[in-house]
N, C-alpha and C. Protein backbone atom coordinates (compact mmCIF):
# COMPACT_ATOMS: atom_id res chain seq x y z
N MET A 1 -57.31 47.48 -8.84
CA MET A 1 -56.93 48.51 -7.92
C MET A 1 -55.61 48.18 -7.23
N ILE A 2 -55.31 46.89 -7.12
CA ILE A 2 -53.98 46.49 -6.50
C ILE A 2 -52.89 46.94 -7.44
N TRP A 3 -53.02 46.67 -8.78
CA TRP A 3 -51.98 47.09 -9.66
C TRP A 3 -51.80 48.57 -9.66
N GLY A 4 -52.87 49.31 -9.57
CA GLY A 4 -52.76 50.79 -9.65
C GLY A 4 -52.12 51.38 -8.48
N ALA A 5 -51.93 50.58 -7.38
CA ALA A 5 -51.32 51.13 -6.14
C ALA A 5 -49.84 51.01 -6.23
N ILE A 6 -49.24 50.32 -7.19
CA ILE A 6 -47.82 50.11 -7.29
C ILE A 6 -47.16 51.36 -7.89
N LYS A 7 -46.19 52.01 -7.13
CA LYS A 7 -45.59 53.23 -7.57
C LYS A 7 -44.06 53.05 -7.53
N ASN A 8 -43.54 51.88 -7.69
CA ASN A 8 -42.07 51.76 -7.63
C ASN A 8 -41.41 52.33 -8.92
N PRO A 9 -40.18 52.90 -8.78
CA PRO A 9 -39.52 53.38 -9.96
C PRO A 9 -39.25 52.31 -11.06
N GLY A 10 -39.58 52.59 -12.32
CA GLY A 10 -39.42 51.66 -13.37
C GLY A 10 -40.63 50.78 -13.60
N ILE A 11 -41.60 50.87 -12.72
CA ILE A 11 -42.81 50.09 -12.86
C ILE A 11 -43.98 50.99 -13.31
N ASP A 12 -44.22 50.98 -14.59
CA ASP A 12 -45.32 51.75 -15.18
C ASP A 12 -46.27 50.72 -15.85
N ILE A 13 -47.35 50.48 -15.13
CA ILE A 13 -48.26 49.41 -15.53
C ILE A 13 -49.37 49.97 -16.43
N ASP A 14 -49.64 49.27 -17.54
CA ASP A 14 -50.73 49.63 -18.43
C ASP A 14 -51.97 48.84 -17.96
N LEU A 15 -52.79 49.51 -17.18
CA LEU A 15 -53.96 48.86 -16.58
C LEU A 15 -55.03 48.39 -17.59
N THR A 16 -54.99 48.97 -18.81
CA THR A 16 -55.92 48.58 -19.84
C THR A 16 -55.54 47.19 -20.43
N ARG A 17 -54.32 46.78 -20.21
CA ARG A 17 -53.83 45.51 -20.80
C ARG A 17 -53.42 44.49 -19.74
N THR A 18 -53.69 44.85 -18.44
CA THR A 18 -53.34 44.00 -17.31
C THR A 18 -54.56 43.40 -16.73
N ASN A 19 -54.41 42.15 -16.34
CA ASN A 19 -55.52 41.43 -15.71
C ASN A 19 -54.99 40.54 -14.59
N SER A 20 -55.77 39.53 -14.11
CA SER A 20 -55.29 38.74 -13.03
C SER A 20 -54.23 37.73 -13.43
N ASN A 21 -54.09 37.56 -14.78
CA ASN A 21 -53.07 36.61 -15.25
C ASN A 21 -51.86 37.21 -15.86
N ILE A 22 -51.99 38.50 -16.35
CA ILE A 22 -50.97 39.15 -17.05
C ILE A 22 -50.75 40.63 -16.53
N VAL A 23 -49.50 40.96 -16.35
CA VAL A 23 -49.18 42.33 -16.01
C VAL A 23 -48.36 42.92 -17.21
N PHE A 24 -48.76 44.04 -17.72
CA PHE A 24 -48.15 44.61 -18.89
C PHE A 24 -47.41 45.89 -18.51
N LEU A 25 -46.11 45.95 -18.69
CA LEU A 25 -45.28 47.13 -18.29
C LEU A 25 -45.06 48.00 -19.51
N ARG A 26 -45.18 49.28 -19.27
CA ARG A 26 -44.81 50.22 -20.32
C ARG A 26 -43.44 50.87 -20.03
N THR A 27 -42.73 51.28 -21.09
CA THR A 27 -41.50 51.99 -20.95
C THR A 27 -40.51 51.27 -20.01
N VAL A 28 -40.17 50.05 -20.38
CA VAL A 28 -39.26 49.21 -19.60
C VAL A 28 -37.90 49.94 -19.50
N ALA A 29 -37.33 50.07 -18.28
CA ALA A 29 -36.07 50.70 -18.01
C ALA A 29 -35.24 49.86 -17.13
N LEU A 30 -34.02 50.32 -16.84
CA LEU A 30 -33.14 49.54 -15.93
C LEU A 30 -33.82 49.35 -14.56
N ASP A 31 -34.55 50.33 -14.09
CA ASP A 31 -35.26 50.21 -12.79
C ASP A 31 -36.35 49.15 -12.85
N SER A 32 -36.73 48.68 -14.00
CA SER A 32 -37.79 47.69 -14.09
C SER A 32 -37.29 46.28 -13.69
N ALA A 33 -35.94 46.13 -13.62
CA ALA A 33 -35.35 44.80 -13.30
C ALA A 33 -35.64 44.43 -11.85
N GLY A 34 -35.70 43.18 -11.63
CA GLY A 34 -35.95 42.72 -10.25
C GLY A 34 -36.76 41.41 -10.23
N ASN A 35 -37.16 41.06 -9.01
CA ASN A 35 -38.01 39.84 -8.86
C ASN A 35 -39.52 40.16 -8.92
N TYR A 36 -40.19 39.40 -9.66
CA TYR A 36 -41.69 39.57 -9.89
C TYR A 36 -42.33 38.41 -9.27
N LYS A 37 -43.33 38.62 -8.49
CA LYS A 37 -44.04 37.50 -7.77
C LYS A 37 -45.47 37.48 -8.15
N CYS A 38 -45.94 36.27 -8.38
CA CYS A 38 -47.40 36.04 -8.61
C CYS A 38 -47.97 35.18 -7.48
N GLN A 39 -49.04 35.66 -6.89
CA GLN A 39 -49.60 34.98 -5.74
C GLN A 39 -51.03 34.66 -5.91
N VAL A 40 -51.43 33.44 -5.66
CA VAL A 40 -52.80 32.98 -5.70
C VAL A 40 -53.25 32.53 -4.33
N SER A 41 -54.35 33.03 -3.86
CA SER A 41 -54.83 32.70 -2.52
C SER A 41 -56.36 32.30 -2.60
N THR A 42 -56.77 31.56 -1.67
CA THR A 42 -58.20 31.16 -1.57
C THR A 42 -58.81 31.64 -0.36
N ASP A 43 -60.13 31.78 -0.37
CA ASP A 43 -60.87 32.22 0.85
C ASP A 43 -61.19 31.09 1.75
N ALA A 44 -61.99 31.38 2.75
CA ALA A 44 -62.39 30.34 3.67
C ALA A 44 -63.12 29.23 2.94
N PRO A 45 -62.97 28.03 3.47
CA PRO A 45 -62.38 27.70 4.76
C PRO A 45 -60.90 27.31 4.69
N THR A 46 -60.29 27.22 3.49
CA THR A 46 -58.93 26.71 3.39
C THR A 46 -57.87 27.80 3.66
N TYR A 47 -58.13 28.99 3.13
CA TYR A 47 -57.21 30.12 3.26
C TYR A 47 -55.77 29.70 2.87
N SER A 48 -55.64 29.05 1.73
CA SER A 48 -54.36 28.62 1.24
C SER A 48 -53.73 29.70 0.30
N CYS A 49 -52.48 29.64 0.20
CA CYS A 49 -51.76 30.60 -0.64
C CYS A 49 -50.59 29.92 -1.40
N VAL A 50 -50.56 30.17 -2.66
CA VAL A 50 -49.39 29.67 -3.48
C VAL A 50 -48.83 30.79 -4.24
N GLN A 51 -47.47 30.86 -4.31
CA GLN A 51 -46.82 31.93 -5.06
C GLN A 51 -45.62 31.42 -5.85
N ALA A 52 -45.24 32.16 -6.87
CA ALA A 52 -44.07 31.88 -7.69
C ALA A 52 -43.29 33.18 -7.93
N VAL A 53 -41.98 33.11 -7.95
CA VAL A 53 -41.15 34.30 -8.11
C VAL A 53 -40.25 34.05 -9.37
N LYS A 54 -40.12 35.12 -10.17
CA LYS A 54 -39.19 34.99 -11.32
C LYS A 54 -38.46 36.30 -11.43
N GLU A 55 -37.16 36.20 -11.69
CA GLU A 55 -36.36 37.38 -11.90
C GLU A 55 -36.35 37.89 -13.33
N MET A 56 -36.44 39.17 -13.48
CA MET A 56 -36.40 39.77 -14.78
C MET A 56 -35.21 40.73 -14.90
N ASN A 57 -34.39 40.45 -15.89
CA ASN A 57 -33.25 41.34 -16.19
C ASN A 57 -33.51 42.26 -17.34
N VAL A 58 -33.10 43.48 -17.26
CA VAL A 58 -33.21 44.43 -18.38
C VAL A 58 -31.84 44.69 -18.93
N ILE A 59 -31.68 44.45 -20.24
CA ILE A 59 -30.35 44.66 -20.80
C ILE A 59 -30.45 45.75 -21.86
N ILE A 60 -29.26 46.40 -22.01
CA ILE A 60 -29.09 47.44 -23.05
C ILE A 60 -27.89 47.07 -23.91
N LEU A 61 -28.13 46.69 -25.13
CA LEU A 61 -27.10 46.36 -26.07
C LEU A 61 -26.28 47.64 -26.57
N PRO A 62 -25.06 47.45 -26.91
CA PRO A 62 -24.30 48.65 -27.45
C PRO A 62 -24.82 48.98 -28.82
N ILE A 63 -24.68 50.27 -29.16
CA ILE A 63 -25.12 50.67 -30.52
C ILE A 63 -23.94 50.61 -31.52
N GLU A 64 -22.78 50.21 -31.07
CA GLU A 64 -21.64 50.11 -31.93
C GLU A 64 -20.70 48.97 -31.46
N GLY A 65 -19.79 48.60 -32.30
CA GLY A 65 -18.85 47.47 -31.94
C GLY A 65 -17.74 47.95 -31.00
N PRO A 66 -16.97 47.04 -30.49
CA PRO A 66 -15.85 47.35 -29.63
C PRO A 66 -14.82 48.13 -30.45
N GLN A 67 -14.03 48.90 -29.73
CA GLN A 67 -12.94 49.66 -30.36
C GLN A 67 -11.60 48.97 -30.15
N ILE A 68 -10.80 48.84 -31.17
CA ILE A 68 -9.46 48.28 -31.10
C ILE A 68 -8.45 49.40 -31.26
N THR A 69 -7.67 49.63 -30.27
CA THR A 69 -6.72 50.69 -30.28
C THR A 69 -5.27 50.20 -29.93
N GLY A 70 -4.25 51.06 -30.20
CA GLY A 70 -2.93 50.73 -29.82
C GLY A 70 -1.97 50.27 -30.94
N GLY A 71 -2.51 50.02 -32.05
CA GLY A 71 -1.75 49.50 -33.20
C GLY A 71 -0.85 50.56 -33.88
N GLU A 72 0.27 50.19 -34.37
CA GLU A 72 1.16 51.03 -35.22
C GLU A 72 0.83 50.79 -36.67
N SER A 73 1.31 51.74 -37.48
CA SER A 73 1.05 51.63 -38.90
C SER A 73 1.83 50.50 -39.58
N THR A 74 3.05 50.22 -39.14
CA THR A 74 3.85 49.20 -39.68
C THR A 74 4.64 48.37 -38.57
N TYR A 75 4.93 47.18 -38.84
CA TYR A 75 5.65 46.33 -37.95
C TYR A 75 6.64 45.54 -38.78
N GLU A 76 7.59 44.91 -38.08
CA GLU A 76 8.51 43.95 -38.68
C GLU A 76 8.35 42.62 -37.99
N LEU A 77 8.61 41.54 -38.70
CA LEU A 77 8.57 40.24 -38.09
C LEU A 77 9.44 40.20 -36.85
N GLY A 78 8.88 39.62 -35.79
CA GLY A 78 9.57 39.60 -34.49
C GLY A 78 9.19 40.71 -33.55
N ASP A 79 8.51 41.72 -34.07
CA ASP A 79 7.98 42.81 -33.20
C ASP A 79 6.92 42.34 -32.28
N ASN A 80 6.75 43.01 -31.15
CA ASN A 80 5.66 42.72 -30.28
C ASN A 80 4.56 43.75 -30.58
N ILE A 81 3.37 43.26 -30.64
CA ILE A 81 2.21 44.09 -30.92
C ILE A 81 1.22 44.06 -29.73
N THR A 82 0.79 45.24 -29.26
CA THR A 82 -0.15 45.25 -28.10
C THR A 82 -1.38 46.03 -28.58
N LEU A 83 -2.49 45.42 -28.54
CA LEU A 83 -3.78 46.01 -28.94
C LEU A 83 -4.76 45.98 -27.76
N ASN A 84 -5.56 46.98 -27.62
CA ASN A 84 -6.55 47.01 -26.58
C ASN A 84 -7.93 47.04 -27.15
N CYS A 85 -8.81 46.21 -26.65
CA CYS A 85 -10.22 46.14 -27.07
C CYS A 85 -11.09 46.72 -25.92
N THR A 86 -11.89 47.79 -26.31
CA THR A 86 -12.75 48.38 -25.33
C THR A 86 -14.23 48.29 -25.88
N SER A 87 -15.07 47.82 -25.03
CA SER A 87 -16.47 47.64 -25.49
C SER A 87 -17.18 48.96 -25.42
N ALA A 88 -18.26 49.07 -26.21
CA ALA A 88 -19.14 50.25 -26.08
C ALA A 88 -20.03 50.08 -24.81
N GLU A 89 -20.74 51.11 -24.44
CA GLU A 89 -21.52 51.09 -23.22
C GLU A 89 -22.64 50.08 -23.42
N SER A 90 -22.91 49.37 -22.32
CA SER A 90 -23.97 48.32 -22.36
C SER A 90 -24.33 48.01 -20.90
N LYS A 91 -25.40 47.22 -20.76
CA LYS A 91 -25.86 46.68 -19.48
C LYS A 91 -26.46 45.28 -19.73
N PRO A 92 -25.84 44.28 -19.28
CA PRO A 92 -24.61 44.18 -18.42
C PRO A 92 -23.33 44.44 -19.24
N ALA A 93 -22.19 44.34 -18.59
CA ALA A 93 -20.95 44.56 -19.29
C ALA A 93 -20.73 43.42 -20.29
N ALA A 94 -20.05 43.76 -21.40
CA ALA A 94 -19.79 42.73 -22.48
C ALA A 94 -18.67 41.78 -22.02
N ASN A 95 -18.82 40.57 -22.44
CA ASN A 95 -17.73 39.63 -22.24
C ASN A 95 -16.87 39.71 -23.53
N LEU A 96 -15.61 40.03 -23.36
CA LEU A 96 -14.70 40.26 -24.53
C LEU A 96 -13.80 39.04 -24.76
N GLN A 97 -13.67 38.70 -26.03
CA GLN A 97 -12.84 37.55 -26.43
C GLN A 97 -12.07 37.98 -27.64
N TRP A 98 -10.69 37.73 -27.61
CA TRP A 98 -9.83 37.94 -28.74
C TRP A 98 -9.73 36.72 -29.59
N PHE A 99 -9.58 36.90 -30.92
CA PHE A 99 -9.42 35.82 -31.85
C PHE A 99 -8.26 36.13 -32.79
N ILE A 100 -7.37 35.14 -33.02
CA ILE A 100 -6.32 35.17 -34.00
C ILE A 100 -6.65 34.24 -35.15
N ASN A 101 -6.84 34.77 -36.32
CA ASN A 101 -7.25 33.95 -37.47
C ASN A 101 -8.46 33.07 -37.11
N ASP A 102 -9.43 33.66 -36.49
CA ASP A 102 -10.69 33.03 -36.09
C ASP A 102 -10.54 31.89 -35.00
N GLN A 103 -9.34 31.82 -34.42
CA GLN A 103 -9.09 30.97 -33.28
C GLN A 103 -9.07 31.77 -32.00
N SER A 104 -9.92 31.37 -30.99
CA SER A 104 -9.97 32.09 -29.78
C SER A 104 -8.61 32.02 -29.00
N VAL A 105 -8.28 33.19 -28.42
CA VAL A 105 -7.07 33.28 -27.59
C VAL A 105 -7.37 32.99 -26.15
N PRO A 106 -6.61 32.09 -25.57
CA PRO A 106 -6.90 31.74 -24.08
C PRO A 106 -6.80 32.98 -23.23
N ASP A 107 -7.65 33.02 -22.19
CA ASP A 107 -7.66 34.17 -21.32
C ASP A 107 -6.28 34.43 -20.64
N GLU A 108 -5.56 33.38 -20.45
CA GLU A 108 -4.24 33.63 -19.78
C GLU A 108 -3.23 34.33 -20.70
N GLU A 109 -3.53 34.45 -21.92
CA GLU A 109 -2.68 35.15 -22.92
C GLU A 109 -3.17 36.55 -23.16
N THR A 110 -4.14 36.99 -22.42
CA THR A 110 -4.67 38.36 -22.59
C THR A 110 -4.67 39.04 -21.21
N ASP A 111 -4.83 40.33 -21.21
CA ASP A 111 -4.95 41.08 -19.98
C ASP A 111 -6.32 41.72 -19.80
N ASP A 112 -7.04 41.19 -18.78
CA ASP A 112 -8.43 41.75 -18.57
C ASP A 112 -8.33 42.94 -17.66
N HIS A 113 -8.81 44.10 -18.09
CA HIS A 113 -8.72 45.32 -17.34
C HIS A 113 -9.97 45.59 -16.49
N GLY A 114 -10.91 44.63 -16.48
CA GLY A 114 -12.06 44.77 -15.64
C GLY A 114 -13.17 45.59 -16.30
N VAL A 115 -14.10 46.00 -15.43
CA VAL A 115 -15.37 46.70 -15.87
C VAL A 115 -15.41 48.03 -15.22
N PHE A 116 -15.69 49.02 -16.06
CA PHE A 116 -15.91 50.44 -15.57
C PHE A 116 -17.42 50.78 -15.52
N VAL A 117 -17.94 51.14 -14.44
CA VAL A 117 -19.36 51.45 -14.30
C VAL A 117 -19.56 52.93 -14.32
N LYS A 118 -20.35 53.45 -15.25
CA LYS A 118 -20.63 54.85 -15.36
C LYS A 118 -21.75 55.33 -14.43
N LYS A 119 -21.92 56.55 -14.34
CA LYS A 119 -22.94 57.14 -13.46
C LYS A 119 -24.35 56.70 -13.81
N ASP A 120 -24.58 56.49 -15.18
CA ASP A 120 -25.90 56.07 -15.60
C ASP A 120 -26.10 54.53 -15.52
N ARG A 121 -25.07 53.87 -14.88
CA ARG A 121 -25.08 52.39 -14.59
C ARG A 121 -24.73 51.56 -15.88
N LEU A 122 -24.49 52.19 -16.97
CA LEU A 122 -24.03 51.43 -18.16
C LEU A 122 -22.51 51.11 -17.91
N GLN A 123 -22.07 49.99 -18.52
CA GLN A 123 -20.78 49.45 -18.18
C GLN A 123 -19.90 49.32 -19.40
N ILE A 124 -18.63 49.48 -19.21
CA ILE A 124 -17.58 49.37 -20.28
C ILE A 124 -16.53 48.32 -19.81
N SER A 125 -16.24 47.41 -20.62
CA SER A 125 -15.13 46.42 -20.31
C SER A 125 -14.02 46.59 -21.30
N SER A 126 -12.81 46.09 -20.82
CA SER A 126 -11.63 46.33 -21.68
C SER A 126 -10.67 45.08 -21.50
N LYS A 127 -10.06 44.68 -22.63
CA LYS A 127 -9.12 43.58 -22.57
C LYS A 127 -8.05 43.80 -23.68
N SER A 128 -6.80 43.54 -23.34
CA SER A 128 -5.70 43.79 -24.28
C SER A 128 -5.10 42.48 -24.70
N LEU A 129 -4.49 42.49 -25.90
CA LEU A 129 -3.87 41.36 -26.47
C LEU A 129 -2.36 41.67 -26.75
N ASN A 130 -1.44 40.83 -26.26
CA ASN A 130 -0.05 41.04 -26.44
C ASN A 130 0.46 39.88 -27.38
N LEU A 131 1.08 40.23 -28.48
CA LEU A 131 1.35 39.21 -29.53
C LEU A 131 2.72 39.47 -30.14
N LYS A 132 3.54 38.44 -30.29
CA LYS A 132 4.79 38.54 -31.01
C LYS A 132 4.52 38.12 -32.49
N LEU A 133 4.84 38.98 -33.38
CA LEU A 133 4.59 38.72 -34.79
C LEU A 133 5.55 37.68 -35.37
N ARG A 134 5.07 36.50 -35.70
CA ARG A 134 5.87 35.44 -36.26
C ARG A 134 5.32 35.04 -37.61
N LYS A 135 6.21 34.51 -38.40
CA LYS A 135 5.88 34.14 -39.77
C LYS A 135 4.70 33.14 -39.86
N ARG A 136 4.71 32.16 -38.89
CA ARG A 136 3.72 31.11 -38.86
C ARG A 136 2.28 31.59 -38.60
N LEU A 137 2.18 32.80 -38.09
CA LEU A 137 0.82 33.37 -37.86
C LEU A 137 0.14 33.86 -39.13
N PHE A 138 0.79 34.05 -40.14
CA PHE A 138 0.22 34.56 -41.37
C PHE A 138 -0.36 33.52 -42.22
N ARG A 139 -1.50 33.75 -42.77
CA ARG A 139 -2.20 32.80 -43.71
C ARG A 139 -2.28 33.50 -45.06
N ARG A 140 -1.48 33.04 -45.99
CA ARG A 140 -1.41 33.66 -47.31
C ARG A 140 -1.16 35.14 -47.23
N GLY A 141 -0.26 35.55 -46.33
CA GLY A 141 0.19 36.88 -46.24
C GLY A 141 -0.72 37.72 -45.36
N LYS A 142 -1.74 37.14 -44.68
CA LYS A 142 -2.66 37.92 -43.90
C LYS A 142 -2.75 37.33 -42.51
N LEU A 143 -2.88 38.30 -41.55
CA LEU A 143 -3.17 37.92 -40.11
C LEU A 143 -4.39 38.70 -39.68
N SER A 144 -5.34 37.96 -39.21
CA SER A 144 -6.61 38.50 -38.82
C SER A 144 -6.64 38.53 -37.24
N LEU A 145 -6.95 39.71 -36.63
CA LEU A 145 -7.13 39.89 -35.25
C LEU A 145 -8.53 40.38 -35.01
N LYS A 146 -9.29 39.74 -34.20
CA LYS A 146 -10.66 40.12 -33.95
C LYS A 146 -10.98 40.11 -32.48
N CYS A 147 -11.76 41.13 -32.10
CA CYS A 147 -12.30 41.24 -30.73
C CYS A 147 -13.77 41.10 -30.78
N GLU A 148 -14.35 40.22 -30.02
CA GLU A 148 -15.78 39.95 -30.01
C GLU A 148 -16.41 40.27 -28.58
N ALA A 149 -17.46 41.04 -28.62
CA ALA A 149 -18.20 41.31 -27.41
C ALA A 149 -19.48 40.52 -27.43
N SER A 150 -19.69 39.76 -26.39
CA SER A 150 -20.94 38.92 -26.30
C SER A 150 -21.68 39.22 -24.99
N PHE A 151 -22.99 38.89 -25.04
CA PHE A 151 -23.89 39.22 -23.92
C PHE A 151 -24.81 37.98 -23.75
N TYR A 152 -24.88 37.50 -22.48
CA TYR A 152 -25.69 36.34 -22.22
C TYR A 152 -25.33 35.15 -23.09
N GLY A 153 -24.07 34.87 -23.16
CA GLY A 153 -23.63 33.74 -24.04
C GLY A 153 -23.74 34.12 -25.52
N THR A 154 -24.66 33.43 -26.22
CA THR A 154 -24.76 33.68 -27.69
C THR A 154 -26.05 34.45 -28.03
N VAL A 155 -26.66 35.06 -27.04
CA VAL A 155 -27.86 35.84 -27.30
C VAL A 155 -27.51 37.00 -28.25
N ALA A 156 -26.44 37.64 -28.04
CA ALA A 156 -26.05 38.78 -28.85
C ALA A 156 -24.54 38.85 -28.93
N THR A 157 -24.00 39.00 -30.06
CA THR A 157 -22.52 39.21 -30.26
C THR A 157 -22.28 40.35 -31.26
N ILE A 158 -21.18 41.12 -30.97
CA ILE A 158 -20.81 42.12 -31.87
C ILE A 158 -19.24 42.14 -31.92
N SER A 159 -18.71 42.22 -33.11
CA SER A 159 -17.23 42.08 -33.16
C SER A 159 -16.64 43.08 -34.11
N LYS A 160 -15.31 43.37 -33.84
CA LYS A 160 -14.60 44.23 -34.80
C LYS A 160 -13.29 43.49 -35.13
N GLU A 161 -12.88 43.62 -36.39
CA GLU A 161 -11.76 42.82 -36.91
C GLU A 161 -10.78 43.75 -37.66
N ILE A 162 -9.51 43.50 -37.45
CA ILE A 162 -8.46 44.14 -38.24
C ILE A 162 -7.62 43.13 -38.93
N THR A 163 -6.97 43.50 -39.98
CA THR A 163 -6.16 42.60 -40.77
C THR A 163 -4.73 43.16 -40.95
N LEU A 164 -3.69 42.39 -40.73
CA LEU A 164 -2.31 42.72 -41.04
C LEU A 164 -1.89 42.09 -42.26
N LEU A 165 -1.29 42.86 -43.22
CA LEU A 165 -0.82 42.36 -44.46
C LEU A 165 0.71 42.25 -44.44
N GLU A 166 1.18 41.11 -44.92
CA GLU A 166 2.65 40.91 -45.05
C GLU A 166 3.11 41.47 -46.39
N ILE A 167 4.13 42.35 -46.35
CA ILE A 167 4.70 42.98 -47.57
C ILE A 167 6.20 42.65 -47.67
N ASP A 168 6.58 42.16 -48.84
CA ASP A 168 7.97 41.76 -49.04
C ASP A 168 8.87 43.04 -49.24
N SER A 169 10.17 42.78 -49.24
CA SER A 169 11.10 43.89 -49.34
C SER A 169 11.04 44.64 -50.65
N ALA A 170 10.54 44.06 -51.66
CA ALA A 170 10.51 44.73 -52.97
C ALA A 170 9.51 45.83 -52.98
N SER A 171 8.50 45.79 -52.09
CA SER A 171 7.50 46.86 -52.08
C SER A 171 7.50 47.65 -50.79
N ALA A 172 8.56 47.47 -50.00
CA ALA A 172 8.59 48.23 -48.73
C ALA A 172 10.04 48.65 -48.45
N CYS A 173 10.19 49.68 -47.65
CA CYS A 173 11.52 50.18 -47.34
C CYS A 173 12.24 49.37 -46.35
N CYS A 174 11.54 48.65 -45.53
CA CYS A 174 12.16 47.76 -44.54
C CYS A 174 12.45 46.39 -45.10
N CYS A 175 13.22 45.57 -44.32
CA CYS A 175 13.53 44.27 -44.82
C CYS A 175 12.31 43.43 -44.96
N HIS A 176 11.44 43.45 -43.95
CA HIS A 176 10.19 42.67 -44.01
C HIS A 176 9.15 43.39 -43.16
N CYS A 177 8.23 44.02 -43.85
CA CYS A 177 7.21 44.84 -43.12
C CYS A 177 5.89 44.20 -42.99
N ILE A 178 5.18 44.56 -41.97
CA ILE A 178 3.82 44.17 -41.79
C ILE A 178 2.94 45.48 -41.72
N LEU A 179 1.93 45.55 -42.60
CA LEU A 179 1.17 46.77 -42.66
C LEU A 179 -0.19 46.52 -41.91
N LEU A 180 -0.48 47.38 -41.03
CA LEU A 180 -1.77 47.31 -40.27
C LEU A 180 -2.80 48.03 -41.10
N LEU A 181 -3.81 47.31 -41.59
CA LEU A 181 -4.87 47.89 -42.40
C LEU A 181 -5.73 48.94 -41.58
N ILE A 182 -6.09 49.92 -42.22
CA ILE A 182 -7.01 50.86 -41.57
C ILE A 182 -8.44 50.38 -41.67
N SER A 183 -8.70 49.55 -42.68
CA SER A 183 -10.09 49.07 -42.84
C SER A 183 -10.46 48.14 -41.68
N ILE A 184 -11.71 48.26 -41.29
CA ILE A 184 -12.20 47.48 -40.14
C ILE A 184 -13.50 46.74 -40.57
N ILE A 185 -13.60 45.52 -40.21
CA ILE A 185 -14.76 44.79 -40.44
C ILE A 185 -15.59 44.65 -39.15
N LEU A 186 -16.85 45.11 -39.30
CA LEU A 186 -17.77 45.14 -38.12
C LEU A 186 -18.86 44.14 -38.31
N THR A 187 -19.06 43.25 -37.36
CA THR A 187 -20.11 42.24 -37.46
C THR A 187 -20.98 42.33 -36.23
N PHE A 188 -22.32 42.31 -36.50
CA PHE A 188 -23.29 42.32 -35.36
C PHE A 188 -24.36 41.34 -35.63
N SER A 189 -24.62 40.50 -34.61
CA SER A 189 -25.73 39.56 -34.69
C SER A 189 -26.41 39.58 -33.33
N SER A 190 -27.79 39.51 -33.44
CA SER A 190 -28.51 39.56 -32.15
C SER A 190 -29.90 38.98 -32.37
N SER A 191 -30.41 38.37 -31.30
CA SER A 191 -31.77 37.91 -31.27
C SER A 191 -32.70 38.75 -30.44
N ILE A 192 -32.07 39.86 -29.89
CA ILE A 192 -32.90 40.81 -29.11
C ILE A 192 -32.47 42.22 -29.59
N ARG A 193 -33.21 43.23 -29.12
CA ARG A 193 -32.96 44.59 -29.49
C ARG A 193 -32.45 45.36 -28.37
N TYR A 194 -32.31 46.68 -28.56
CA TYR A 194 -31.48 47.47 -27.64
C TYR A 194 -32.01 47.61 -26.26
N LEU A 195 -33.29 47.55 -26.01
CA LEU A 195 -33.78 47.63 -24.61
C LEU A 195 -34.96 46.68 -24.44
N GLU A 196 -34.75 45.60 -23.87
CA GLU A 196 -35.78 44.64 -23.69
C GLU A 196 -35.62 43.90 -22.34
N TYR A 197 -36.62 43.24 -21.89
CA TYR A 197 -36.47 42.39 -20.65
C TYR A 197 -35.97 41.03 -21.10
N PHE A 198 -35.24 40.39 -20.23
CA PHE A 198 -34.75 39.07 -20.56
C PHE A 198 -34.93 38.16 -19.35
N PRO A 199 -36.03 37.41 -19.35
CA PRO A 199 -36.28 36.50 -18.19
C PRO A 199 -35.17 35.49 -17.97
N SER A 200 -34.81 35.27 -16.76
CA SER A 200 -33.76 34.23 -16.46
C SER A 200 -34.37 32.85 -16.49
């Protein structure tokens, strides 16, 4: 009867699967997040009480990878390239990390545009990369730029990658051109699914 009296938003208890040791929640939502307390008490003559509190976070993973925007179709060596990485909607906000040829770019070399919170409480983060195209950046004529969105460290990561190809003057109208490929590599790995609770 105690469980049945709880009417908080996001708390939908399945009484058929709940007992004195386990509480089973149905339809977990963002409102289900918070501190959960278990309390054990004894009757006379001791009247002692022991309790424990645990925080539960509810996360929503994005259904697609981050978007990379701002690139031109061609560049020349020495040009400056500015790309912006914007995460898809999630809760909490994604931590964004840029990679050049699979090497992480220090935060001081990127511009973090912060987190935008939508009305439905889902969050979008954005970070841009400013890079001067130099010959030494290319590996066998290719330059890989990747943006990775991660959640709770390595619990879930999703990334998007673009490749720049170096083209010599014999096959291009400019002295030395760099072609930004339209093709995009999308990688997603996760040990959790789109809406689950994550005990801290």
